Amino acid sequence: MWELMTRRDVFPGMLGFQIAIEVGTKGLRPELPSEEECPITEMSALMQRAWAEDPHARPSFSEIVAEMESILEVRGEGSKADVDVDVVSVRIVWDRDSEID
């Protein structure tokens, strides 16, 4: 979600396995995006819940997509056009990943 909202690499210069080790052993989490990068505060809160250390406390991908759509619906126009593409991206990634299981 962080990368979708900011359109940047979350940990530039780090390989996937390095990120996994840092997350798993040291609790590495990204800094919340700035208000300029993510003006929708509800999205920042959703990201934080998705980063919960306890995997059972994290929302599922379907819950994330539903909440993102709900946030955009409630907010009306504002920055909806910018984020709609990202909601679709999450759904595409989720659909692809769910086929693997």
PDB file of N, CA and C in Angstrom:
ATOM      1  N   MET A   1       0.827  -1.195   0.000  1.00  0.00           N
ATOM      2  CA  MET A   1       0.000   0.000   0.000  1.00  0.00           C
ATOM      3  C   MET A   1       0.863   1.246   0.000  1.00  0.00           C
ATOM      4  N   TRP A   2       1.951   1.203   0.771  1.00  0.00           N
ATOM      5  CA  TRP A   2       2.835   2.358   0.855  1.00  0.00           C
ATOM      6  C   TRP A   2       3.350   2.723  -0.529  1.00  0.00           C
ATOM      7  N   GLU A   3       3.794   1.722  -1.269  1.00  0.00           N
ATOM      8  CA  GLU A   3       4.329   1.972  -2.605  1.00  0.00           C
ATOM      9  C   GLU A   3       3.246   2.462  -3.557  1.00  0.00           C
ATOM     10  N   LEU A   4       2.029   1.954  -3.399  1.00  0.00           N
ATOM     11  CA  LEU A   4       0.934   2.415  -4.248  1.00  0.00           C
ATOM     12  C   LEU A   4       0.603   3.878  -3.985  1.00  0.00           C
ATOM     13  N   MET A   5       0.622   4.269  -2.724  1.00  0.00           N
ATOM     14  CA  MET A   5       0.271   5.647  -2.381  1.00  0.00           C
ATOM     15  C   MET A   5       1.384   6.637  -2.725  1.00  0.00           C
ATOM     16  N   THR A   6       2.639   6.239  -2.509  1.00  0.00           N
ATOM     17  CA  THR A   6       3.748   7.178  -2.712  1.00  0.00           C
ATOM     18  C   THR A   6       4.353   7.091  -4.106  1.00  0.00           C
ATOM     19  N   ARG A   7       4.136   5.945  -4.756  1.00  0.00           N
ATOM     20  CA  ARG A   7       4.739   5.673  -6.063  1.00  0.00           C
ATOM     21  C   ARG A   7       6.266   5.708  -5.980  1.00  0.00           C
ATOM     22  N   ARG A   8       6.781   5.204  -4.856  1.00  0.00           N
ATOM     23  CA  ARG A   8       8.227   5.085  -4.635  1.00  0.00           C
ATOM     24  C   ARG A   8       8.525   3.714  -4.047  1.00  0.00           C
ATOM     25  N   ASP A   9       9.799   3.296  -4.146  1.00  0.00           N
ATOM     26  CA  ASP A   9      10.226   2.062  -3.479  1.00  0.00           C
ATOM     27  C   ASP A   9      10.233   2.305  -1.984  1.00  0.00           C
ATOM     28  N   VAL A  10       9.726   1.356  -1.226  1.00  0.00           N
ATOM     29  CA  VAL A  10       9.607   1.532   0.214  1.00  0.00           C
ATOM     30  C   VAL A  10      10.982   1.524   0.897  1.00  0.00           C
ATOM     31  N   PHE A  11      11.862   0.648   0.485  1.00  0.00           N
ATOM     32  CA  PHE A  11      13.207   0.583   1.050  1.00  0.00           C
ATOM     33  C   PHE A  11      14.208   0.547  -0.103  1.00  0.00           C
ATOM     34  N   PRO A  12      14.473   1.702  -0.721  1.00  0.00           N
ATOM     35  CA  PRO A  12      15.365   1.715  -1.878  1.00  0.00           C
ATOM     36  C   PRO A  12      16.753   1.181  -1.520  1.00  0.00           C
ATOM     37  N   GLY A  13      17.297   0.407  -2.437  1.00  0.00           N
ATOM     38  CA  GLY A  13      18.638  -0.138  -2.238  1.00  0.00           C
ATOM     39  C   GLY A  13      18.668  -1.457  -1.487  1.00  0.00           C
ATOM     40  N   MET A  14      17.531  -1.892  -0.957  1.00  0.00           N
ATOM     41  CA  MET A  14      17.482  -3.162  -0.234  1.00  0.00           C
ATOM     42  C   MET A  14      16.843  -4.225  -1.115  1.00  0.00           C
ATOM     43  N   LEU A  15      17.391  -5.435  -1.051  1.00  0.00           N
ATOM     44  CA  LEU A  15      16.814  -6.564  -1.767  1.00  0.00           C
ATOM     45  C   LEU A  15      15.675  -7.153  -0.945  1.00  0.00           C
ATOM     46  N   GLY A  16      14.803  -7.899  -1.605  1.00  0.00           N
ATOM     47  CA  GLY A  16      13.633  -8.475  -0.938  1.00  0.00           C
ATOM     48  C   GLY A  16      13.985  -9.297   0.282  1.00  0.00           C
ATOM     49  N   PHE A  17      15.025 -10.133   0.172  1.00  0.00           N
ATOM     50  CA  PHE A  17      15.387 -10.966   1.324  1.00  0.00           C
ATOM     51  C   PHE A  17      15.919 -10.118   2.475  1.00  0.00           C
ATOM     52  N   GLN A  18      16.598  -9.010   2.161  1.00  0.00           N
ATOM     53  CA  GLN A  18      17.085  -8.119   3.220  1.00  0.00           C
ATOM     54  C   GLN A  18      15.905  -7.476   3.956  1.00  0.00           C
ATOM     55  N   ILE A  19      14.917  -7.059   3.196  1.00  0.00           N
ATOM     56  CA  ILE A  19      13.730  -6.458   3.801  1.00  0.00           C
ATOM     57  C   ILE A  19      13.033  -7.483   4.691  1.00  0.00           C
ATOM     58  N   ALA A  20      12.885  -8.713   4.186  1.00  0.00           N
ATOM     59  CA  ALA A  20      12.213  -9.767   4.965  1.00  0.00           C
ATOM     60  C   ALA A  20      12.934 -10.024   6.283  1.00  0.00           C
ATOM     61  N   ILE A  21      14.252 -10.061   6.248  1.00  0.00           N
ATOM     62  CA  ILE A  21      15.032 -10.294   7.471  1.00  0.00           C
ATOM     63  C   ILE A  21      14.846  -9.135   8.445  1.00  0.00           C
ATOM     64  N   GLU A  22      14.926  -7.914   7.952  1.00  0.00           N
ATOM     65  CA  GLU A  22      14.781  -6.739   8.816  1.00  0.00           C
ATOM     66  C   GLU A  22      13.368  -6.653   9.413  1.00  0.00           C
ATOM     67  N   VAL A  23      12.377  -6.973   8.612  1.00  0.00           N
ATOM     68  CA  VAL A  23      10.992  -6.945   9.103  1.00  0.00           C
ATOM     69  C   VAL A  23      10.795  -8.035  10.150  1.00  0.00           C
ATOM     70  N   GLY A  24      11.292  -9.243   9.838  1.00  0.00           N
ATOM     71  CA  GLY A  24      11.082 -10.387  10.731  1.00  0.00           C
ATOM     72  C   GLY A  24      11.881 -10.348  12.011  1.00  0.00           C
ATOM     73  N   THR A  25      13.097  -9.816  11.960  1.00  0.00           N
ATOM     74  CA  THR A  25      13.955  -9.856  13.153  1.00  0.00           C
ATOM     75  C   THR A  25      14.033  -8.533  13.907  1.00  0.00           C
ATOM     76  N   LYS A  26      13.810  -7.435  13.201  1.00  0.00           N
ATOM     77  CA  LYS A  26      13.967  -6.124  13.844  1.00  0.00           C
ATOM     78  C   LYS A  26      12.706  -5.276  13.812  1.00  0.00           C
ATOM     79  N   GLY A  27      11.625  -5.837  13.258  1.00  0.00           N
ATOM     80  CA  GLY A  27      10.367  -5.085  13.229  1.00  0.00           C
ATOM     81  C   GLY A  27      10.387  -3.886  12.298  1.00  0.00           C
ATOM     82  N   LEU A  28      11.240  -3.926  11.271  1.00  0.00           N
ATOM     83  CA  LEU A  28      11.323  -2.807  10.327  1.00  0.00           C
ATOM     84  C   LEU A  28       9.962  -2.511   9.715  1.00  0.00           C
ATOM     85  N   ARG A  29       9.586  -1.267   9.726  1.00  0.00           N
ATOM     86  CA  ARG A  29       8.366  -0.798   9.078  1.00  0.00           C
ATOM     87  C   ARG A  29       8.698   0.523   8.395  1.00  0.00           C
ATOM     88  N   PRO A  30       8.015   0.818   7.306  1.00  0.00           N
ATOM     89  CA  PRO A  30       8.275   2.107   6.647  1.00  0.00           C
ATOM     90  C   PRO A  30       7.747   3.258   7.488  1.00  0.00           C
ATOM     91  N   GLU A  31       8.305   4.426   7.250  1.00  0.00           N
ATOM     92  CA  GLU A  31       7.752   5.630   7.866  1.00  0.00           C
ATOM     93  C   GLU A  31       6.437   5.929   7.161  1.00  0.00           C
ATOM     94  N   LEU A  32       5.513   6.499   7.884  1.00  0.00           N
ATOM     95  CA  LEU A  32       4.253   6.878   7.235  1.00  0.00           C
ATOM     96  C   LEU A  32       4.550   7.918   6.160  1.00  0.00           C
ATOM     97  N   PRO A  33       3.861   7.830   5.030  1.00  0.00           N
ATOM     98  CA  PRO A  33       4.078   8.829   3.987  1.00  0.00           C
ATOM     99  C   PRO A  33       3.649  10.208   4.472  1.00  0.00           C
ATOM    100  N   SER A  34       4.239  11.220   3.879  1.00  0.00           N
ATOM    101  CA  SER A  34       3.875  12.594   4.225  1.00  0.00           C
ATOM    102  C   SER A  34       2.444  12.858   3.780  1.00  0.00           C
ATOM    103  N   GLU A  35       1.860  13.933   4.315  1.00  0.00           N
ATOM    104  CA  GLU A  35       0.499  14.307   3.909  1.00  0.00           C
ATOM    105  C   GLU A  35       0.449  14.639   2.430  1.00  0.00           C
ATOM    106  N   GLU A  36       1.557  15.136   1.908  1.00  0.00           N
ATOM    107  CA  GLU A  36       1.619  15.453   0.478  1.00  0.00           C
ATOM    108  C   GLU A  36       1.542  14.178  -0.362  1.00  0.00           C
ATOM    109  N   GLU A  37       2.228  13.122   0.097  1.00  0.00           N
ATOM    110  CA  GLU A  37       2.222  11.857  -0.632  1.00  0.00           C
ATOM    111  C   GLU A  37       0.927  11.075  -0.415  1.00  0.00           C
ATOM    112  N   CYS A  38       0.380  11.192   0.779  1.00  0.00           N
ATOM    113  CA  CYS A  38      -0.827  10.438   1.126  1.00  0.00           C
ATOM    114  C   CYS A  38      -1.768  11.365   1.898  1.00  0.00           C
ATOM    115  N   PRO A  39      -2.503  12.217   1.159  1.00  0.00           N
ATOM    116  CA  PRO A  39      -3.352  13.194   1.841  1.00  0.00           C
ATOM    117  C   PRO A  39      -4.582  12.585   2.511  1.00  0.00           C
ATOM    118  N   ILE A  40      -4.799  11.314   2.318  1.00  0.00           N
ATOM    119  CA  ILE A  40      -5.982  10.669   2.885  1.00  0.00           C
ATOM    120  C   ILE A  40      -5.562   9.973   4.181  1.00  0.00           C
ATOM    121  N   THR A  41      -5.868  10.580   5.314  1.00  0.00           N
ATOM    122  CA  THR A  41      -5.413  10.062   6.606  1.00  0.00           C
ATOM    123  C   THR A  41      -5.929   8.658   6.891  1.00  0.00           C
ATOM    124  N   GLU A  42      -7.122   8.343   6.386  1.00  0.00           N
ATOM    125  CA  GLU A  42      -7.660   7.000   6.597  1.00  0.00           C
ATOM    126  C   GLU A  42      -6.787   5.940   5.926  1.00  0.00           C
ATOM    127  N   MET A  43      -6.153   6.302   4.815  1.00  0.00           N
ATOM    128  CA  MET A  43      -5.248   5.362   4.129  1.00  0.00           C
ATOM    129  C   MET A  43      -4.012   5.111   4.991  1.00  0.00           C
ATOM    130  N   SER A  44      -3.497   6.153   5.614  1.00  0.00           N
ATOM    131  CA  SER A  44      -2.333   5.985   6.495  1.00  0.00           C
ATOM    132  C   SER A  44      -2.677   5.062   7.656  1.00  0.00           C
ATOM    133  N   ALA A  45      -3.863   5.229   8.227  1.00  0.00           N
ATOM    134  CA  ALA A  45      -4.290   4.372   9.338  1.00  0.00           C
ATOM    135  C   ALA A  45      -4.439   2.926   8.871  1.00  0.00           C
ATOM    136  N   LEU A  46      -4.972   2.730   7.682  1.00  0.00           N
ATOM    137  CA  LEU A  46      -5.119   1.385   7.126  1.00  0.00           C
ATOM    138  C   LEU A  46      -3.749   0.748   6.908  1.00  0.00           C
ATOM    139  N   MET A  47      -2.803   1.526   6.405  1.00  0.00           N
ATOM    140  CA  MET A  47      -1.436   1.015   6.222  1.00  0.00           C
ATOM    141  C   MET A  47      -0.856   0.551   7.545  1.00  0.00           C
ATOM    142  N   GLN A  48      -1.018   1.356   8.581  1.00  0.00           N
ATOM    143  CA  GLN A  48      -0.478   0.987   9.892  1.00  0.00           C
ATOM    144  C   GLN A  48      -1.081  -0.318  10.394  1.00  0.00           C
ATOM    145  N   ARG A  49      -2.394  -0.502  10.186  1.00  0.00           N
ATOM    146  CA  ARG A  49      -3.012  -1.764  10.600  1.00  0.00           C
ATOM    147  C   ARG A  49      -2.448  -2.938   9.801  1.00  0.00           C
ATOM    148  N   ALA A  50      -2.154  -2.707   8.525  1.00  0.00           N
ATOM    149  CA  ALA A  50      -1.603  -3.772   7.680  1.00  0.00           C
ATOM    150  C   ALA A  50      -0.185  -4.143   8.101  1.00  0.00           C
ATOM    151  N   TRP A  51       0.492  -3.264   8.821  1.00  0.00           N
ATOM    152  CA  TRP A  51       1.863  -3.521   9.277  1.00  0.00           C
ATOM    153  C   TRP A  51       1.916  -4.134  10.667  1.00  0.00           C
ATOM    154  N   ALA A  52       0.782  -4.484  11.229  1.00  0.00           N
ATOM    155  CA  ALA A  52       0.760  -5.036  12.590  1.00  0.00           C
ATOM    156  C   ALA A  52       1.713  -6.221  12.700  1.00  0.00           C
ATOM    157  N   GLU A  53       2.424  -6.287  13.810  1.00  0.00           N
ATOM    158  CA  GLU A  53       3.365  -7.389  14.019  1.00  0.00           C
ATOM    159  C   GLU A  53       2.637  -8.729  14.082  1.00  0.00           C
ATOM    160  N   ASP A  54       1.475  -8.741  14.720  1.00  0.00           N
ATOM    161  CA  ASP A  54       0.672  -9.964  14.812  1.00  0.00           C
ATOM    162  C   ASP A  54      -0.103 -10.121  13.503  1.00  0.00           C
ATOM    163  N   PRO A  55       0.197 -11.162  12.720  1.00  0.00           N
ATOM    164  CA  PRO A  55      -0.482 -11.325  11.424  1.00  0.00           C
ATOM    165  C   PRO A  55      -2.000 -11.444  11.539  1.00  0.00           C
ATOM    166  N   HIS A  56      -2.499 -11.921  12.679  1.00  0.00           N
ATOM    167  CA  HIS A  56      -3.946 -12.048  12.865  1.00  0.00           C
ATOM    168  C   HIS A  56      -4.612 -10.692  13.062  1.00  0.00           C
ATOM    169  N   ALA A  57      -3.831  -9.686  13.413  1.00  0.00           N
ATOM    170  CA  ALA A  57      -4.374  -8.344  13.609  1.00  0.00           C
ATOM    171  C   ALA A  57      -4.410  -7.543  12.303  1.00  0.00           C
ATOM    172  N   ARG A  58      -3.782  -8.074  11.246  1.00  0.00           N
ATOM    173  CA  ARG A  58      -3.738  -7.380   9.960  1.00  0.00           C
ATOM    174  C   ARG A  58      -5.027  -7.631   9.172  1.00  0.00           C
ATOM    175  N   PRO A  59      -5.475  -6.616   8.424  1.00  0.00           N
ATOM    176  CA  PRO A  59      -6.636  -6.838   7.556  1.00  0.00           C
ATOM    177  C   PRO A  59      -6.242  -7.724   6.375  1.00  0.00           C
ATOM    178  N   SER A  60      -7.190  -8.501   5.875  1.00  0.00           N
ATOM    179  CA  SER A  60      -6.938  -9.322   4.682  1.00  0.00           C
ATOM    180  C   SER A  60      -6.915  -8.403   3.453  1.00  0.00           C
ATOM    181  N   PHE A  61      -6.455  -8.925   2.325  1.00  0.00           N
ATOM    182  CA  PHE A  61      -6.451  -8.129   1.108  1.00  0.00           C
ATOM    183  C   PHE A  61      -7.866  -7.723   0.711  1.00  0.00           C
ATOM    184  N   SER A  62      -8.823  -8.622   0.876  1.00  0.00           N
ATOM    185  CA  SER A  62     -10.197  -8.257   0.521  1.00  0.00           C
ATOM    186  C   SER A  62     -10.709  -7.143   1.441  1.00  0.00           C
ATOM    187  N   GLU A  63     -10.340  -7.179   2.718  1.00  0.00           N
ATOM    188  CA  GLU A  63     -10.728  -6.103   3.650  1.00  0.00           C
ATOM    189  C   GLU A  63     -10.043  -4.795   3.265  1.00  0.00           C
ATOM    190  N   ILE A  64      -8.774  -4.865   2.857  1.00  0.00           N
ATOM    191  CA  ILE A  64      -8.049  -3.661   2.439  1.00  0.00           C
ATOM    192  C   ILE A  64      -8.724  -3.030   1.234  1.00  0.00           C
ATOM    193  N   VAL A  65      -9.023  -3.838   0.217  1.00  0.00           N
ATOM    194  CA  VAL A  65      -9.673  -3.317  -0.987  1.00  0.00           C
ATOM    195  C   VAL A  65     -11.027  -2.707  -0.640  1.00  0.00           C
ATOM    196  N   ALA A  66     -11.824  -3.408   0.154  1.00  0.00           N
ATOM    197  CA  ALA A  66     -13.151  -2.898   0.534  1.00  0.00           C
ATOM    198  C   ALA A  66     -13.027  -1.582   1.295  1.00  0.00           C
ATOM    199  N   GLU A  67     -12.072  -1.512   2.212  1.00  0.00           N
ATOM    200  CA  GLU A  67     -11.907  -0.273   2.985  1.00  0.00           C
ATOM    201  C   GLU A  67     -11.415   0.865   2.107  1.00  0.00           C
ATOM    202  N   MET A  68     -10.492   0.563   1.179  1.00  0.00           N
ATOM    203  CA  MET A  68     -10.013   1.606   0.268  1.00  0.00           C
ATOM    204  C   MET A  68     -11.165   2.135  -0.586  1.00  0.00           C
ATOM    205  N   GLU A  69     -11.992   1.249  -1.086  1.00  0.00           N
ATOM    206  CA  GLU A  69     -13.142   1.685  -1.886  1.00  0.00           C
ATOM    207  C   GLU A  69     -14.104   2.509  -1.046  1.00  0.00           C
ATOM    208  N   SER A  70     -14.317   2.109   0.196  1.00  0.00           N
ATOM    209  CA  SER A  70     -15.199   2.840   1.095  1.00  0.00           C
ATOM    210  C   SER A  70     -14.648   4.235   1.389  1.00  0.00           C
ATOM    211  N   ILE A  71     -13.353   4.309   1.631  1.00  0.00           N
ATOM    212  CA  ILE A  71     -12.715   5.609   1.904  1.00  0.00           C
ATOM    213  C   ILE A  71     -12.913   6.539   0.721  1.00  0.00           C
ATOM    214  N   LEU A  72     -12.698   6.025  -0.472  1.00  0.00           N
ATOM    215  CA  LEU A  72     -12.833   6.855  -1.671  1.00  0.00           C
ATOM    216  C   LEU A  72     -14.286   7.285  -1.884  1.00  0.00           C
ATOM    217  N   GLU A  73     -15.208   6.388  -1.597  1.00  0.00           N
ATOM    218  CA  GLU A  73     -16.628   6.689  -1.752  1.00  0.00           C
ATOM    219  C   GLU A  73     -17.042   7.811  -0.801  1.00  0.00           C
ATOM    220  N   VAL A  74     -16.596   7.728   0.449  1.00  0.00           N
ATOM    221  CA  VAL A  74     -16.949   8.729   1.464  1.00  0.00           C
ATOM    222  C   VAL A  74     -16.308  10.077   1.145  1.00  0.00           C
ATOM    223  N   ARG A  75     -15.086  10.036   0.644  1.00  0.00           N
ATOM    224  CA  ARG A  75     -14.364  11.275   0.369  1.00  0.00           C
ATOM    225  C   ARG A  75     -14.899  12.008  -0.845  1.00  0.00           C
ATOM    226  N   GLY A  76     -15.632  11.328  -1.683  1.00  0.00           N
ATOM    227  CA  GLY A  76     -16.138  11.973  -2.890  1.00  0.00           C
ATOM    228  C   GLY A  76     -15.021  12.187  -3.883  1.00  0.00           C
ATOM    229  N   GLU A  77     -14.964  13.327  -4.494  1.00  0.00           N
ATOM    230  CA  GLU A  77     -14.006  13.544  -5.576  1.00  0.00           C
ATOM    231  C   GLU A  77     -12.604  13.775  -5.044  1.00  0.00           C
ATOM    232  N   GLY A  78     -12.282  14.878  -4.477  1.00  0.00           N
ATOM    233  CA  GLY A  78     -10.955  15.149  -3.927  1.00  0.00           C
ATOM    234  C   GLY A  78      -9.839  14.525  -4.724  1.00  0.00           C
ATOM    235  N   SER A  79      -9.138  13.585  -4.115  1.00  0.00           N
ATOM    236  CA  SER A  79      -8.010  12.935  -4.781  1.00  0.00           C
ATOM    237  C   SER A  79      -8.393  11.550  -5.292  1.00  0.00           C
ATOM    238  N   LYS A  80      -9.683  11.322  -5.471  1.00  0.00           N
ATOM    239  CA  LYS A  80     -10.174   9.993  -5.867  1.00  0.00           C
ATOM    240  C   LYS A  80      -9.544   9.511  -7.164  1.00  0.00           C
ATOM    241  N   ALA A  81      -9.423  10.369  -8.156  1.00  0.00           N
ATOM    242  CA  ALA A  81      -8.898   9.937  -9.451  1.00  0.00           C
ATOM    243  C   ALA A  81      -7.495   9.363  -9.307  1.00  0.00           C
ATOM    244  N   ASP A  82      -6.668   9.968  -8.476  1.00  0.00           N
ATOM    245  CA  ASP A  82      -5.305   9.479  -8.280  1.00  0.00           C
ATOM    246  C   ASP A  82      -5.290   8.125  -7.602  1.00  0.00           C
ATOM    247  N   VAL A  83      -6.200   7.894  -6.673  1.00  0.00           N
ATOM    248  CA  VAL A  83      -6.159   6.681  -5.873  1.00  0.00           C
ATOM    249  C   VAL A  83      -6.923   5.542  -6.525  1.00  0.00           C
ATOM    250  N   ASP A  84      -7.911   5.829  -7.375  1.00  0.00           N
ATOM    251  CA  ASP A  84      -8.675   4.769  -8.033  1.00  0.00           C
ATOM    252  C   ASP A  84      -7.768   3.783  -8.750  1.00  0.00           C
ATOM    253  N   VAL A  85      -6.769   4.275  -9.436  1.00  0.00           N
ATOM    254  CA  VAL A  85      -5.840   3.406 -10.151  1.00  0.00           C
ATOM    255  C   VAL A  85      -5.149   2.485  -9.160  1.00  0.00           C
ATOM    256  N   ASP A  86      -4.797   3.008  -8.002  1.00  0.00           N
ATOM    257  CA  ASP A  86      -4.117   2.206  -7.001  1.00  0.00           C
ATOM    258  C   ASP A  86      -5.023   1.125  -6.429  1.00  0.00           C
ATOM    259  N   VAL A  87      -6.295   1.403  -6.240  1.00  0.00           N
ATOM    260  CA  VAL A  87      -7.231   0.384  -5.753  1.00  0.00           C
ATOM    261  C   VAL A  87      -7.307  -0.738  -6.770  1.00  0.00           C
ATOM    262  N   VAL A  88      -7.363  -0.393  -8.044  1.00  0.00           N
ATOM    263  CA  VAL A  88      -7.379  -1.405  -9.094  1.00  0.00           C
ATOM    264  C   VAL A  88      -6.087  -2.208  -9.052  1.00  0.00           C
ATOM    265  N   SER A  89      -4.953  -1.557  -8.840  1.00  0.00           N
ATOM    266  CA  SER A  89      -3.668  -2.252  -8.763  1.00  0.00           C
ATOM    267  C   SER A  89      -3.668  -3.251  -7.620  1.00  0.00           C
ATOM    268  N   VAL A  90      -4.190  -2.860  -6.469  1.00  0.00           N
ATOM    269  CA  VAL A  90      -4.255  -3.774  -5.326  1.00  0.00           C
ATOM    270  C   VAL A  90      -5.119  -4.966  -5.678  1.00  0.00           C
ATOM    271  N   ARG A  91      -6.257  -4.724  -6.315  1.00  0.00           N
ATOM    272  CA  ARG A  91      -7.151  -5.814  -6.670  1.00  0.00           C
ATOM    273  C   ARG A  91      -6.468  -6.764  -7.655  1.00  0.00           C
ATOM    274  N   ILE A  92      -5.740  -6.236  -8.634  1.00  0.00           N
ATOM    275  CA  ILE A  92      -5.055  -7.082  -9.603  1.00  0.00           C
ATOM    276  C   ILE A  92      -4.000  -7.928  -8.917  1.00  0.00           C
ATOM    277  N   VAL A  93      -3.198  -7.325  -8.061  1.00  0.00           N
ATOM    278  CA  VAL A  93      -2.173  -8.075  -7.334  1.00  0.00           C
ATOM    279  C   VAL A  93      -2.822  -9.119  -6.449  1.00  0.00           C
ATOM    280  N   TRP A  94      -3.885  -8.745  -5.735  1.00  0.00           N
ATOM    281  CA  TRP A  94      -4.569  -9.680  -4.844  1.00  0.00           C
ATOM    282  C   TRP A  94      -5.137 -10.841  -5.646  1.00  0.00           C
ATOM    283  N   ASP A  95      -5.804 -10.558  -6.775  1.00  0.00           N
ATOM    284  CA  ASP A  95      -6.368 -11.628  -7.600  1.00  0.00           C
ATOM    285  C   ASP A  95      -5.281 -12.571  -8.091  1.00  0.00           C
ATOM    286  N   ARG A  96      -4.159 -12.023  -8.527  1.00  0.00           N
ATOM    287  CA  ARG A  96      -3.062 -12.850  -9.013  1.00  0.00           C
ATOM    288  C   ARG A  96      -2.499 -13.704  -7.892  1.00  0.00           C
ATOM    289  N   ASP A  97      -2.284 -13.106  -6.724  1.00  0.00           N
ATOM    290  CA  ASP A  97      -1.722 -13.849  -5.591  1.00  0.00           C
ATOM    291  C   ASP A  97      -2.679 -14.915  -5.072  1.00  0.00           C
ATOM    292  N   SER A  98      -3.972 -14.636  -5.104  1.00  0.00           N
ATOM    293  CA  SER A  98      -4.936 -15.602  -4.583  1.00  0.00           C
ATOM    294  C   SER A  98      -4.996 -16.846  -5.453  1.00  0.00           C
ATOM    295  N   GLU A  99      -4.621 -16.739  -6.721  1.00  0.00           N
ATOM    296  CA  GLU A  99      -4.593 -17.902  -7.607  1.00  0.00           C
ATOM    297  C   GLU A  99      -3.453 -18.845  -7.249  1.00  0.00           C
ATOM    298  N   ILE A 100      -2.408 -18.315  -6.640  1.00  0.00           N
ATOM    299  CA  ILE A 100      -1.240 -19.112  -6.276  1.00  0.00           C
ATOM    300  C   ILE A 100      -1.568 -20.066  -5.138  1.00  0.00           C
ATOM    301  N   ASP A 101      -2.412 -19.618  -4.200  1.00  0.00           N
ATOM    302  CA  ASP A 101      -2.740 -20.433  -3.020  1.00  0.00           C
ATOM    303  C   ASP A 101      -3.388 -21.710  -3.331  1.00  0.00           C
TER     304      ASP A 101
END
